Amino acid sequence: MKFDTTKPSDEAVLAELGSRVGSVRLARNLTQAELAKEAGVSKRTLERIEAGQSAQLTSFIRVLRSLDLLERLELLLPPAQPGPMDLLRRAGKPPQRASGRESSPQKRWTWADDE
């Protein structure tokens, strides 16, 4: 299964993640009770995750850790990589704060005699 790349709803993302957790659990021949116990979460919490319902992120991480899938989060959110000019400007130091986005649209540039 693949995510709809045209901005899927939160519910669709949760359902897909839950489905994938359930598929991995079944492929490893684990019951919900066994995985929940190993992960240190309640069986009901695991049921909620697999059903695509909201659950605490720490519970989800515990389940992934128990399934030996935690390292795959690197694929989901790889570390930010600065561009070459950023590296030169900051001499390799990471940014300390965000400058924010401009709140007003940029004024279109025109020649002085076009005004």
PDB file of N, CA and C in Angstrom:
ATOM      1  N   MET A   1       0.837  -1.188   0.000  1.00  0.00           N
ATOM      2  CA  MET A   1       0.000   0.000   0.000  1.00  0.00           C
ATOM      3  C   MET A   1       0.875   1.242   0.000  1.00  0.00           C
ATOM      4  N   LYS A   2       0.382   2.276  -0.653  1.00  0.00           N
ATOM      5  CA  LYS A   2       1.121   3.529  -0.707  1.00  0.00           C
ATOM      6  C   LYS A   2       0.239   4.645  -0.200  1.00  0.00           C
ATOM      7  N   PHE A   3       0.911   5.661   0.363  1.00  0.00           N
ATOM      8  CA  PHE A   3       0.199   6.846   0.791  1.00  0.00           C
ATOM      9  C   PHE A   3      -0.233   7.640  -0.424  1.00  0.00           C
ATOM     10  N   ASP A   4      -1.388   8.278  -0.333  1.00  0.00           N
ATOM     11  CA  ASP A   4      -1.822   9.210  -1.349  1.00  0.00           C
ATOM     12  C   ASP A   4      -0.946  10.447  -1.202  1.00  0.00           C
ATOM     13  N   THR A   5      -0.162  10.765  -2.204  1.00  0.00           N
ATOM     14  CA  THR A   5       0.789  11.867  -2.094  1.00  0.00           C
ATOM     15  C   THR A   5       0.159  13.237  -2.281  1.00  0.00           C
ATOM     16  N   THR A   6      -1.133  13.316  -2.504  1.00  0.00           N
ATOM     17  CA  THR A   6      -1.805  14.596  -2.701  1.00  0.00           C
ATOM     18  C   THR A   6      -2.387  15.130  -1.403  1.00  0.00           C
ATOM     19  N   LYS A   7      -1.643  15.050  -0.329  1.00  0.00           N
ATOM     20  CA  LYS A   7      -2.065  15.504   1.001  1.00  0.00           C
ATOM     21  C   LYS A   7      -3.151  14.607   1.587  1.00  0.00           C
ATOM     22  N   PRO A   8      -2.778  13.427   2.030  1.00  0.00           N
ATOM     23  CA  PRO A   8      -3.771  12.550   2.644  1.00  0.00           C
ATOM     24  C   PRO A   8      -4.243  13.137   3.975  1.00  0.00           C
ATOM     25  N   SER A   9      -5.431  12.763   4.377  1.00  0.00           N
ATOM     26  CA  SER A   9      -5.957  13.245   5.649  1.00  0.00           C
ATOM     27  C   SER A   9      -5.189  12.592   6.793  1.00  0.00           C
ATOM     28  N   ASP A  10      -5.271  13.187   7.972  1.00  0.00           N
ATOM     29  CA  ASP A  10      -4.633  12.616   9.157  1.00  0.00           C
ATOM     30  C   ASP A  10      -5.136  11.202   9.397  1.00  0.00           C
ATOM     31  N   GLU A  11      -6.429  11.012   9.211  1.00  0.00           N
ATOM     32  CA  GLU A  11      -7.038   9.707   9.430  1.00  0.00           C
ATOM     33  C   GLU A  11      -6.474   8.665   8.472  1.00  0.00           C
ATOM     34  N   ALA A  12      -6.261   9.071   7.218  1.00  0.00           N
ATOM     35  CA  ALA A  12      -5.720   8.141   6.217  1.00  0.00           C
ATOM     36  C   ALA A  12      -4.285   7.743   6.560  1.00  0.00           C
ATOM     37  N   VAL A  13      -3.507   8.685   7.040  1.00  0.00           N
ATOM     38  CA  VAL A  13      -2.118   8.384   7.432  1.00  0.00           C
ATOM     39  C   VAL A  13      -2.110   7.450   8.634  1.00  0.00           C
ATOM     40  N   LEU A  14      -2.929   7.738   9.642  1.00  0.00           N
ATOM     41  CA  LEU A  14      -3.004   6.867  10.821  1.00  0.00           C
ATOM     42  C   LEU A  14      -3.460   5.460  10.434  1.00  0.00           C
ATOM     43  N   ALA A  15      -4.434   5.380   9.550  1.00  0.00           N
ATOM     44  CA  ALA A  15      -4.931   4.068   9.119  1.00  0.00           C
ATOM     45  C   ALA A  15      -3.837   3.278   8.400  1.00  0.00           C
ATOM     46  N   GLU A  16      -3.080   3.936   7.554  1.00  0.00           N
ATOM     47  CA  GLU A  16      -2.013   3.259   6.819  1.00  0.00           C
ATOM     48  C   GLU A  16      -0.897   2.803   7.754  1.00  0.00           C
ATOM     49  N   LEU A  17      -0.498   3.669   8.692  1.00  0.00           N
ATOM     50  CA  LEU A  17       0.536   3.282   9.658  1.00  0.00           C
ATOM     51  C   LEU A  17       0.067   2.109  10.509  1.00  0.00           C
ATOM     52  N   GLY A  18      -1.176   2.178  10.975  1.00  0.00           N
ATOM     53  CA  GLY A  18      -1.725   1.091  11.776  1.00  0.00           C
ATOM     54  C   GLY A  18      -1.789  -0.210  11.008  1.00  0.00           C
ATOM     55  N   SER A  19      -2.189  -0.131   9.758  1.00  0.00           N
ATOM     56  CA  SER A  19      -2.256  -1.316   8.915  1.00  0.00           C
ATOM     57  C   SER A  19      -0.881  -1.944   8.743  1.00  0.00           C
ATOM     58  N   ARG A  20       0.118  -1.107   8.574  1.00  0.00           N
ATOM     59  CA  ARG A  20       1.485  -1.614   8.405  1.00  0.00           C
ATOM     60  C   ARG A  20       2.001  -2.258   9.681  1.00  0.00           C
ATOM     61  N   VAL A  21       1.710  -1.659  10.823  1.00  0.00           N
ATOM     62  CA  VAL A  21       2.115  -2.267  12.097  1.00  0.00           C
ATOM     63  C   VAL A  21       1.451  -3.635  12.245  1.00  0.00           C
ATOM     64  N   GLY A  22       0.160  -3.698  11.952  1.00  0.00           N
ATOM     65  CA  GLY A  22      -0.559  -4.966  12.048  1.00  0.00           C
ATOM     66  C   GLY A  22      -0.003  -6.020  11.104  1.00  0.00           C
ATOM     67  N   SER A  23       0.355  -5.615   9.888  1.00  0.00           N
ATOM     68  CA  SER A  23       0.918  -6.558   8.922  1.00  0.00           C
ATOM     69  C   SER A  23       2.262  -7.116   9.388  1.00  0.00           C
ATOM     70  N   VAL A  24       3.104  -6.259   9.931  1.00  0.00           N
ATOM     71  CA  VAL A  24       4.406  -6.716  10.431  1.00  0.00           C
ATOM     72  C   VAL A  24       4.203  -7.657  11.611  1.00  0.00           C
ATOM     73  N   ARG A  25       3.282  -7.303  12.503  1.00  0.00           N
ATOM     74  CA  ARG A  25       3.010  -8.150  13.673  1.00  0.00           C
ATOM     75  C   ARG A  25       2.556  -9.542  13.230  1.00  0.00           C
ATOM     76  N   LEU A  26       1.640  -9.582  12.270  1.00  0.00           N
ATOM     77  CA  LEU A  26       1.141 -10.868  11.778  1.00  0.00           C
ATOM     78  C   LEU A  26       2.224 -11.656  11.050  1.00  0.00           C
ATOM     79  N   ALA A  27       3.068 -10.968  10.278  1.00  0.00           N
ATOM     80  CA  ALA A  27       4.154 -11.647   9.563  1.00  0.00           C
ATOM     81  C   ALA A  27       5.138 -12.282  10.543  1.00  0.00           C
ATOM     82  N   ARG A  28       5.228 -11.713  11.730  1.00  0.00           N
ATOM     83  CA  ARG A  28       6.122 -12.261  12.755  1.00  0.00           C
ATOM     84  C   ARG A  28       5.394 -13.223  13.691  1.00  0.00           C
ATOM     85  N   ASN A  29       4.142 -13.501  13.351  1.00  0.00           N
ATOM     86  CA  ASN A  29       3.321 -14.459  14.095  1.00  0.00           C
ATOM     87  C   ASN A  29       3.190 -14.099  15.578  1.00  0.00           C
ATOM     88  N   LEU A  30       2.951 -12.811  15.832  1.00  0.00           N
ATOM     89  CA  LEU A  30       2.747 -12.338  17.200  1.00  0.00           C
ATOM     90  C   LEU A  30       1.276 -11.981  17.396  1.00  0.00           C
ATOM     91  N   THR A  31       0.753 -12.289  18.563  1.00  0.00           N
ATOM     92  CA  THR A  31      -0.599 -11.835  18.886  1.00  0.00           C
ATOM     93  C   THR A  31      -0.505 -10.382  19.352  1.00  0.00           C
ATOM     94  N   GLN A  32      -1.649  -9.715  19.362  1.00  0.00           N
ATOM     95  CA  GLN A  32      -1.659  -8.341  19.872  1.00  0.00           C
ATOM     96  C   GLN A  32      -1.219  -8.317  21.336  1.00  0.00           C
ATOM     97  N   ALA A  33      -1.651  -9.298  22.100  1.00  0.00           N
ATOM     98  CA  ALA A  33      -1.290  -9.353  23.521  1.00  0.00           C
ATOM     99  C   ALA A  33       0.215  -9.529  23.696  1.00  0.00           C
ATOM    100  N   GLU A  34       0.822 -10.383  22.877  1.00  0.00           N
ATOM    101  CA  GLU A  34       2.270 -10.615  22.980  1.00  0.00           C
ATOM    102  C   GLU A  34       3.064  -9.353  22.638  1.00  0.00           C
ATOM    103  N   LEU A  35       2.698  -8.711  21.532  1.00  0.00           N
ATOM    104  CA  LEU A  35       3.414  -7.503  21.134  1.00  0.00           C
ATOM    105  C   LEU A  35       3.204  -6.377  22.133  1.00  0.00           C
ATOM    106  N   ALA A  36       1.982  -6.234  22.613  1.00  0.00           N
ATOM    107  CA  ALA A  36       1.695  -5.179  23.588  1.00  0.00           C
ATOM    108  C   ALA A  36       2.525  -5.379  24.853  1.00  0.00           C
ATOM    109  N   LYS A  37       2.610  -6.607  25.328  1.00  0.00           N
ATOM    110  CA  LYS A  37       3.392  -6.888  26.530  1.00  0.00           C
ATOM    111  C   LYS A  37       4.864  -6.589  26.299  1.00  0.00           C
ATOM    112  N   GLU A  38       5.385  -7.025  25.149  1.00  0.00           N
ATOM    113  CA  GLU A  38       6.793  -6.788  24.829  1.00  0.00           C
ATOM    114  C   GLU A  38       7.096  -5.297  24.697  1.00  0.00           C
ATOM    115  N   ALA A  39       6.142  -4.539  24.147  1.00  0.00           N
ATOM    116  CA  ALA A  39       6.327  -3.104  23.953  1.00  0.00           C
ATOM    117  C   ALA A  39       6.068  -2.297  25.217  1.00  0.00           C
ATOM    118  N   GLY A  40       5.424  -2.899  26.188  1.00  0.00           N
ATOM    119  CA  GLY A  40       5.112  -2.164  27.417  1.00  0.00           C
ATOM    120  C   GLY A  40       3.920  -1.231  27.275  1.00  0.00           C
ATOM    121  N   VAL A  41       2.998  -1.609  26.394  1.00  0.00           N
ATOM    122  CA  VAL A  41       1.763  -0.836  26.236  1.00  0.00           C
ATOM    123  C   VAL A  41       0.593  -1.782  26.467  1.00  0.00           C
ATOM    124  N   SER A  42      -0.574  -1.215  26.664  1.00  0.00           N
ATOM    125  CA  SER A  42      -1.741  -2.067  26.865  1.00  0.00           C
ATOM    126  C   SER A  42      -2.177  -2.666  25.519  1.00  0.00           C
ATOM    127  N   LYS A  43      -2.893  -3.768  25.606  1.00  0.00           N
ATOM    128  CA  LYS A  43      -3.409  -4.398  24.389  1.00  0.00           C
ATOM    129  C   LYS A  43      -4.367  -3.441  23.681  1.00  0.00           C
ATOM    130  N   ARG A  44      -5.148  -2.721  24.449  1.00  0.00           N
ATOM    131  CA  ARG A  44      -6.094  -1.754  23.877  1.00  0.00           C
ATOM    132  C   ARG A  44      -5.349  -0.665  23.101  1.00  0.00           C
ATOM    133  N   THR A  45      -4.200  -0.225  23.615  1.00  0.00           N
ATOM    134  CA  THR A  45      -3.410   0.789  22.911  1.00  0.00           C
ATOM    135  C   THR A  45      -2.933   0.248  21.571  1.00  0.00           C
ATOM    136  N   LEU A  46      -2.453  -0.984  21.564  1.00  0.00           N
ATOM    137  CA  LEU A  46      -2.015  -1.595  20.309  1.00  0.00           C
ATOM    138  C   LEU A  46      -3.192  -1.757  19.342  1.00  0.00           C
ATOM    139  N   GLU A  47      -4.345  -2.128  19.866  1.00  0.00           N
ATOM    140  CA  GLU A  47      -5.542  -2.242  19.025  1.00  0.00           C
ATOM    141  C   GLU A  47      -5.858  -0.895  18.383  1.00  0.00           C
ATOM    142  N   ARG A  48      -5.751   0.175  19.159  1.00  0.00           N
ATOM    143  CA  ARG A  48      -6.032   1.518  18.649  1.00  0.00           C
ATOM    144  C   ARG A  48      -5.038   1.894  17.551  1.00  0.00           C
ATOM    145  N   ILE A  49      -3.756   1.599  17.777  1.00  0.00           N
ATOM    146  CA  ILE A  49      -2.732   1.913  16.771  1.00  0.00           C
ATOM    147  C   ILE A  49      -3.031   1.175  15.473  1.00  0.00           C
ATOM    148  N   GLU A  50      -3.289  -0.124  15.574  1.00  0.00           N
ATOM    149  CA  GLU A  50      -3.548  -0.924  14.379  1.00  0.00           C
ATOM    150  C   GLU A  50      -4.844  -0.533  13.685  1.00  0.00           C
ATOM    151  N   ALA A  51      -5.797   0.004  14.435  1.00  0.00           N
ATOM    152  CA  ALA A  51      -7.064   0.431  13.849  1.00  0.00           C
ATOM    153  C   ALA A  51      -6.969   1.836  13.247  1.00  0.00           C
ATOM    154  N   GLY A  52      -5.800   2.463  13.364  1.00  0.00           N
ATOM    155  CA  GLY A  52      -5.624   3.797  12.804  1.00  0.00           C
ATOM    156  C   GLY A  52      -6.228   4.885  13.651  1.00  0.00           C
ATOM    157  N   GLN A  53      -6.388   4.606  14.932  1.00  0.00           N
ATOM    158  CA  GLN A  53      -6.920   5.613  15.842  1.00  0.00           C
ATOM    159  C   GLN A  53      -5.762   6.344  16.512  1.00  0.00           C
ATOM    160  N   SER A  54      -6.059   7.467  17.087  1.00  0.00           N
ATOM    161  CA  SER A  54      -5.037   8.282  17.732  1.00  0.00           C
ATOM    162  C   SER A  54      -4.460   7.573  18.950  1.00  0.00           C
ATOM    163  N   ALA A  55      -3.150   7.661  19.102  1.00  0.00           N
ATOM    164  CA  ALA A  55      -2.454   7.099  20.263  1.00  0.00           C
ATOM    165  C   ALA A  55      -1.254   7.988  20.552  1.00  0.00           C
ATOM    166  N   GLN A  56      -0.706   7.860  21.728  1.00  0.00           N
ATOM    167  CA  GLN A  56       0.463   8.657  22.072  1.00  0.00           C
ATOM    168  C   GLN A  56       1.652   8.235  21.226  1.00  0.00           C
ATOM    169  N   LEU A  57       2.463   9.190  20.870  1.00  0.00           N
ATOM    170  CA  LEU A  57       3.638   8.922  20.059  1.00  0.00           C
ATOM    171  C   LEU A  57       4.603   7.983  20.784  1.00  0.00           C
ATOM    172  N   THR A  58       4.722   8.123  22.100  1.00  0.00           N
ATOM    173  CA  THR A  58       5.620   7.233  22.843  1.00  0.00           C
ATOM    174  C   THR A  58       5.168   5.783  22.741  1.00  0.00           C
ATOM    175  N   SER A  59       3.885   5.542  22.713  1.00  0.00           N
ATOM    176  CA  SER A  59       3.378   4.179  22.554  1.00  0.00           C
ATOM    177  C   SER A  59       3.734   3.634  21.180  1.00  0.00           C
ATOM    178  N   PHE A  60       3.587   4.462  20.163  1.00  0.00           N
ATOM    179  CA  PHE A  60       3.926   4.059  18.806  1.00  0.00           C
ATOM    180  C   PHE A  60       5.417   3.731  18.703  1.00  0.00           C
ATOM    181  N   ILE A  61       6.248   4.552  19.327  1.00  0.00           N
ATOM    182  CA  ILE A  61       7.696   4.312  19.322  1.00  0.00           C
ATOM    183  C   ILE A  61       8.025   3.003  20.026  1.00  0.00           C
ATOM    184  N   ARG A  62       7.372   2.726  21.129  1.00  0.00           N
ATOM    185  CA  ARG A  62       7.610   1.468  21.851  1.00  0.00           C
ATOM    186  C   ARG A  62       7.257   0.257  20.993  1.00  0.00           C
ATOM    187  N   VAL A  63       6.162   0.359  20.254  1.00  0.00           N
ATOM    188  CA  VAL A  63       5.746  -0.739  19.377  1.00  0.00           C
ATOM    189  C   VAL A  63       6.772  -0.916  18.253  1.00  0.00           C
ATOM    190  N   LEU A  64       7.201   0.191  17.650  1.00  0.00           N
ATOM    191  CA  LEU A  64       8.212   0.101  16.595  1.00  0.00           C
ATOM    192  C   LEU A  64       9.510  -0.507  17.120  1.00  0.00           C
ATOM    193  N   ARG A  65       9.900  -0.106  18.318  1.00  0.00           N
ATOM    194  CA  ARG A  65      11.124  -0.654  18.918  1.00  0.00           C
ATOM    195  C   ARG A  65      10.992  -2.165  19.114  1.00  0.00           C
ATOM    196  N   SER A  66       9.848  -2.625  19.584  1.00  0.00           N
ATOM    197  CA  SER A  66       9.627  -4.054  19.805  1.00  0.00           C
ATOM    198  C   SER A  66       9.632  -4.845  18.503  1.00  0.00           C
ATOM    199  N   LEU A  67       9.240  -4.193  17.417  1.00  0.00           N
ATOM    200  CA  LEU A  67       9.242  -4.850  16.109  1.00  0.00           C
ATOM    201  C   LEU A  67      10.572  -4.650  15.370  1.00  0.00           C
ATOM    202  N   ASP A  68      11.552  -4.047  16.043  1.00  0.00           N
ATOM    203  CA  ASP A  68      12.856  -3.741  15.435  1.00  0.00           C
ATOM    204  C   ASP A  68      12.714  -2.865  14.191  1.00  0.00           C
ATOM    205  N   LEU A  69      11.812  -1.904  14.260  1.00  0.00           N
ATOM    206  CA  LEU A  69      11.581  -0.999  13.137  1.00  0.00           C
ATOM    207  C   LEU A  69      11.945   0.449  13.455  1.00  0.00           C
ATOM    208  N   LEU A  70      12.470   0.688  14.624  1.00  0.00           N
ATOM    209  CA  LEU A  70      12.736   2.059  15.047  1.00  0.00           C
ATOM    210  C   LEU A  70      13.740   2.754  14.133  1.00  0.00           C
ATOM    211  N   GLU A  71      14.739   2.016  13.663  1.00  0.00           N
ATOM    212  CA  GLU A  71      15.751   2.637  12.796  1.00  0.00           C
ATOM    213  C   GLU A  71      15.157   3.108  11.472  1.00  0.00           C
ATOM    214  N   ARG A  72      13.996   2.609  11.115  1.00  0.00           N
ATOM    215  CA  ARG A  72      13.374   3.023   9.846  1.00  0.00           C
ATOM    216  C   ARG A  72      12.776   4.423   9.922  1.00  0.00           C
ATOM    217  N   LEU A  73      12.664   4.973  11.128  1.00  0.00           N
ATOM    218  CA  LEU A  73      12.188   6.354  11.234  1.00  0.00           C
ATOM    219  C   LEU A  73      13.152   7.309  10.552  1.00  0.00           C
ATOM    220  N   GLU A  74      14.399   6.885  10.411  1.00  0.00           N
ATOM    221  CA  GLU A  74      15.391   7.685   9.695  1.00  0.00           C
ATOM    222  C   GLU A  74      14.923   7.958   8.263  1.00  0.00           C
ATOM    223  N   LEU A  75      14.249   6.994   7.661  1.00  0.00           N
ATOM    224  CA  LEU A  75      13.732   7.173   6.300  1.00  0.00           C
ATOM    225  C   LEU A  75      12.559   8.145   6.276  1.00  0.00           C
ATOM    226  N   LEU A  76      11.787   8.126   7.351  1.00  0.00           N
ATOM    227  CA  LEU A  76      10.622   9.003   7.436  1.00  0.00           C
ATOM    228  C   LEU A  76      11.029  10.460   7.598  1.00  0.00           C
ATOM    229  N   LEU A  77      11.987  10.696   8.470  1.00  0.00           N
ATOM    230  CA  LEU A  77      12.434  12.056   8.757  1.00  0.00           C
ATOM    231  C   LEU A  77      13.956  12.113   8.785  1.00  0.00           C
ATOM    232  N   PRO A  78      14.583  12.178   7.628  1.00  0.00           N
ATOM    233  CA  PRO A  78      16.046  12.220   7.627  1.00  0.00           C
ATOM    234  C   PRO A  78      16.536  13.536   8.230  1.00  0.00           C
ATOM    235  N   PRO A  79      17.750  13.540   8.762  1.00  0.00           N
ATOM    236  CA  PRO A  79      18.289  14.784   9.324  1.00  0.00           C
ATOM    237  C   PRO A  79      18.364  15.872   8.254  1.00  0.00           C
ATOM    238  N   ALA A  80      18.127  17.102   8.661  1.00  0.00           N
ATOM    239  CA  ALA A  80      18.196  18.228   7.731  1.00  0.00           C
ATOM    240  C   ALA A  80      19.640  18.415   7.275  1.00  0.00           C
ATOM    241  N   GLN A  81      19.806  18.612   5.995  1.00  0.00           N
ATOM    242  CA  GLN A  81      21.134  18.808   5.426  1.00  0.00           C
ATOM    243  C   GLN A  81      21.253  20.238   4.927  1.00  0.00           C
ATOM    244  N   PRO A  82      22.185  21.006   5.455  1.00  0.00           N
ATOM    245  CA  PRO A  82      22.349  22.378   4.965  1.00  0.00           C
ATOM    246  C   PRO A  82      22.946  22.380   3.564  1.00  0.00           C
ATOM    247  N   GLY A  83      22.660  23.426   2.833  1.00  0.00           N
ATOM    248  CA  GLY A  83      23.220  23.583   1.497  1.00  0.00           C
ATOM    249  C   GLY A  83      24.673  24.014   1.569  1.00  0.00           C
ATOM    250  N   PRO A  84      25.393  23.943   0.473  1.00  0.00           N
ATOM    251  CA  PRO A  84      26.807  24.304   0.468  1.00  0.00           C
ATOM    252  C   PRO A  84      27.065  25.749   0.903  1.00  0.00           C
ATOM    253  N   MET A  85      26.207  26.670   0.484  1.00  0.00           N
ATOM    254  CA  MET A  85      26.401  28.070   0.880  1.00  0.00           C
ATOM    255  C   MET A  85      26.141  28.258   2.368  1.00  0.00           C
ATOM    256  N   ASP A  86      25.167  27.549   2.898  1.00  0.00           N
ATOM    257  CA  ASP A  86      24.904  27.622   4.337  1.00  0.00           C
ATOM    258  C   ASP A  86      26.111  27.138   5.123  1.00  0.00           C
ATOM    259  N   LEU A  87      26.732  26.065   4.649  1.00  0.00           N
ATOM    260  CA  LEU A  87      27.921  25.543   5.325  1.00  0.00           C
ATOM    261  C   LEU A  87      29.047  26.567   5.330  1.00  0.00           C
ATOM    262  N   LEU A  88      29.220  27.251   4.214  1.00  0.00           N
ATOM    263  CA  LEU A  88      30.263  28.268   4.149  1.00  0.00           C
ATOM    264  C   LEU A  88      29.966  29.445   5.070  1.00  0.00           C
ATOM    265  N   ARG A  89      28.708  29.912   5.048  1.00  0.00           N
ATOM    266  CA  ARG A  89      28.332  31.061   5.880  1.00  0.00           C
ATOM    267  C   ARG A  89      28.453  30.778   7.371  1.00  0.00           C
ATOM    268  N   ARG A  90      28.046  29.584   7.760  1.00  0.00           N
ATOM    269  CA  ARG A  90      28.030  29.257   9.191  1.00  0.00           C
ATOM    270  C   ARG A  90      29.245  28.448   9.614  1.00  0.00           C
ATOM    271  N   ALA A  91      30.153  28.196   8.722  1.00  0.00           N
ATOM    272  CA  ALA A  91      31.361  27.405   9.012  1.00  0.00           C
ATOM    273  C   ALA A  91      30.998  26.061   9.631  1.00  0.00           C
ATOM    274  N   GLY A  92      29.933  25.427   9.109  1.00  0.00           N
ATOM    275  CA  GLY A  92      29.547  24.102   9.573  1.00  0.00           C
ATOM    276  C   GLY A  92      28.712  24.074  10.837  1.00  0.00           C
ATOM    277  N   LYS A  93      28.434  25.224  11.446  1.00  0.00           N
ATOM    278  CA  LYS A  93      27.630  25.265  12.672  1.00  0.00           C
ATOM    279  C   LYS A  93      26.145  25.171  12.324  1.00  0.00           C
ATOM    280  N   PRO A  94      25.360  24.414  13.104  1.00  0.00           N
ATOM    281  CA  PRO A  94      23.917  24.335  12.829  1.00  0.00           C
ATOM    282  C   PRO A  94      23.227  25.650  13.177  1.00  0.00           C
ATOM    283  N   PRO A  95      22.097  25.951  12.533  1.00  0.00           N
ATOM    284  CA  PRO A  95      21.385  27.191  12.850  1.00  0.00           C
ATOM    285  C   PRO A  95      20.873  27.176  14.285  1.00  0.00           C
ATOM    286  N   GLN A  96      20.861  28.333  14.905  1.00  0.00           N
ATOM    287  CA  GLN A  96      20.406  28.467  16.290  1.00  0.00           C
ATOM    288  C   GLN A  96      18.948  28.876  16.388  1.00  0.00           C
ATOM    289  N   ARG A  97      18.428  29.521  15.347  1.00  0.00           N
ATOM    290  CA  ARG A  97      17.018  29.934  15.358  1.00  0.00           C
ATOM    291  C   ARG A  97      16.532  30.086  13.923  1.00  0.00           C
ATOM    292  N   ALA A  98      15.217  30.044  13.774  1.00  0.00           N
ATOM    293  CA  ALA A  98      14.616  30.218  12.451  1.00  0.00           C
ATOM    294  C   ALA A  98      14.330  31.686  12.211  1.00  0.00           C
ATOM    295  N   SER A  99      14.489  32.127  10.995  1.00  0.00           N
ATOM    296  CA  SER A  99      14.209  33.525  10.677  1.00  0.00           C
ATOM    297  C   SER A  99      12.730  33.743  10.427  1.00  0.00           C
ATOM    298  N   GLY A 100      11.977  32.676  10.218  1.00  0.00           N
ATOM    299  CA  GLY A 100      10.546  32.796   9.970  1.00  0.00           C
ATOM    300  C   GLY A 100      10.260  33.083   8.519  1.00  0.00           C
ATOM    301  N   ARG A 101       9.015  32.943   8.191  1.00  0.00           N
ATOM    302  CA  ARG A 101       8.581  33.235   6.831  1.00  0.00           C
ATOM    303  C   ARG A 101       8.063  34.646   6.779  1.00  0.00           C
ATOM    304  N   GLU A 102       8.165  35.248   5.607  1.00  0.00           N
ATOM    305  CA  GLU A 102       7.626  36.595   5.447  1.00  0.00           C
ATOM    306  C   GLU A 102       6.113  36.528   5.497  1.00  0.00           C
ATOM    307  N   SER A 103       5.510  37.427   6.267  1.00  0.00           N
ATOM    308  CA  SER A 103       4.061  37.396   6.416  1.00  0.00           C
ATOM    309  C   SER A 103       3.349  38.138   5.296  1.00  0.00           C
ATOM    310  N   SER A 104       4.019  39.106   4.678  1.00  0.00           N
ATOM    311  CA  SER A 104       3.370  39.833   3.589  1.00  0.00           C
ATOM    312  C   SER A 104       3.965  39.390   2.258  1.00  0.00           C
ATOM    313  N   PRO A 105       3.129  39.340   1.237  1.00  0.00           N
ATOM    314  CA  PRO A 105       3.649  38.934  -0.071  1.00  0.00           C
ATOM    315  C   PRO A 105       4.668  39.958  -0.559  1.00  0.00           C
ATOM    316  N   GLN A 106       5.658  39.491  -1.308  1.00  0.00           N
ATOM    317  CA  GLN A 106       6.684  40.384  -1.802  1.00  0.00           C
ATOM    318  C   GLN A 106       6.120  41.290  -2.886  1.00  0.00           C
ATOM    319  N   LYS A 107       6.560  42.550  -2.840  1.00  0.00           N
ATOM    320  CA  LYS A 107       6.138  43.500  -3.850  1.00  0.00           C
ATOM    321  C   LYS A 107       6.873  43.168  -5.139  1.00  0.00           C
ATOM    322  N   ARG A 108       6.140  43.164  -6.217  1.00  0.00           N
ATOM    323  CA  ARG A 108       6.742  42.858  -7.511  1.00  0.00           C
ATOM    324  C   ARG A 108       7.639  44.006  -7.936  1.00  0.00           C
ATOM    325  N   TRP A 109       8.826  43.670  -8.389  1.00  0.00           N
ATOM    326  CA  TRP A 109       9.798  44.659  -8.811  1.00  0.00           C
ATOM    327  C   TRP A 109       9.442  45.198 -10.175  1.00  0.00           C
ATOM    328  N   THR A 110       9.553  46.513 -10.345  1.00  0.00           N
ATOM    329  CA  THR A 110       9.306  47.146 -11.652  1.00  0.00           C
ATOM    330  C   THR A 110      10.354  48.193 -11.901  1.00  0.00           C
ATOM    331  N   TRP A 111      10.499  48.578 -13.166  1.00  0.00           N
ATOM    332  CA  TRP A 111      11.382  49.672 -13.498  1.00  0.00           C
ATOM    333  C   TRP A 111      10.756  50.967 -13.012  1.00  0.00           C
ATOM    334  N   ALA A 112      11.552  51.937 -12.673  1.00  0.00           N
ATOM    335  CA  ALA A 112      11.041  53.204 -12.146  1.00  0.00           C
ATOM    336  C   ALA A 112      10.142  53.903 -13.147  1.00  0.00           C
ATOM    337  N   ASP A 113      10.429  53.815 -14.427  1.00  0.00           N
ATOM    338  CA  ASP A 113       9.595  54.512 -15.412  1.00  0.00           C
ATOM    339  C   ASP A 113       8.314  53.753 -15.740  1.00  0.00           C
ATOM    340  N   ASP A 114       8.117  52.536 -15.179  1.00  0.00           N
ATOM    341  CA  ASP A 114       6.870  51.793 -15.368  1.00  0.00           C
ATOM    342  C   ASP A 114       5.795  52.258 -14.402  1.00  0.00           C
ATOM    343  N   GLU A 115       6.170  53.020 -13.400  1.00  0.00           N
ATOM    344  CA  GLU A 115       5.198  53.416 -12.370  1.00  0.00           C
ATOM    345  C   GLU A 115       4.314  54.536 -12.819  1.00  0.00           C
TER     346      GLU A 115
END
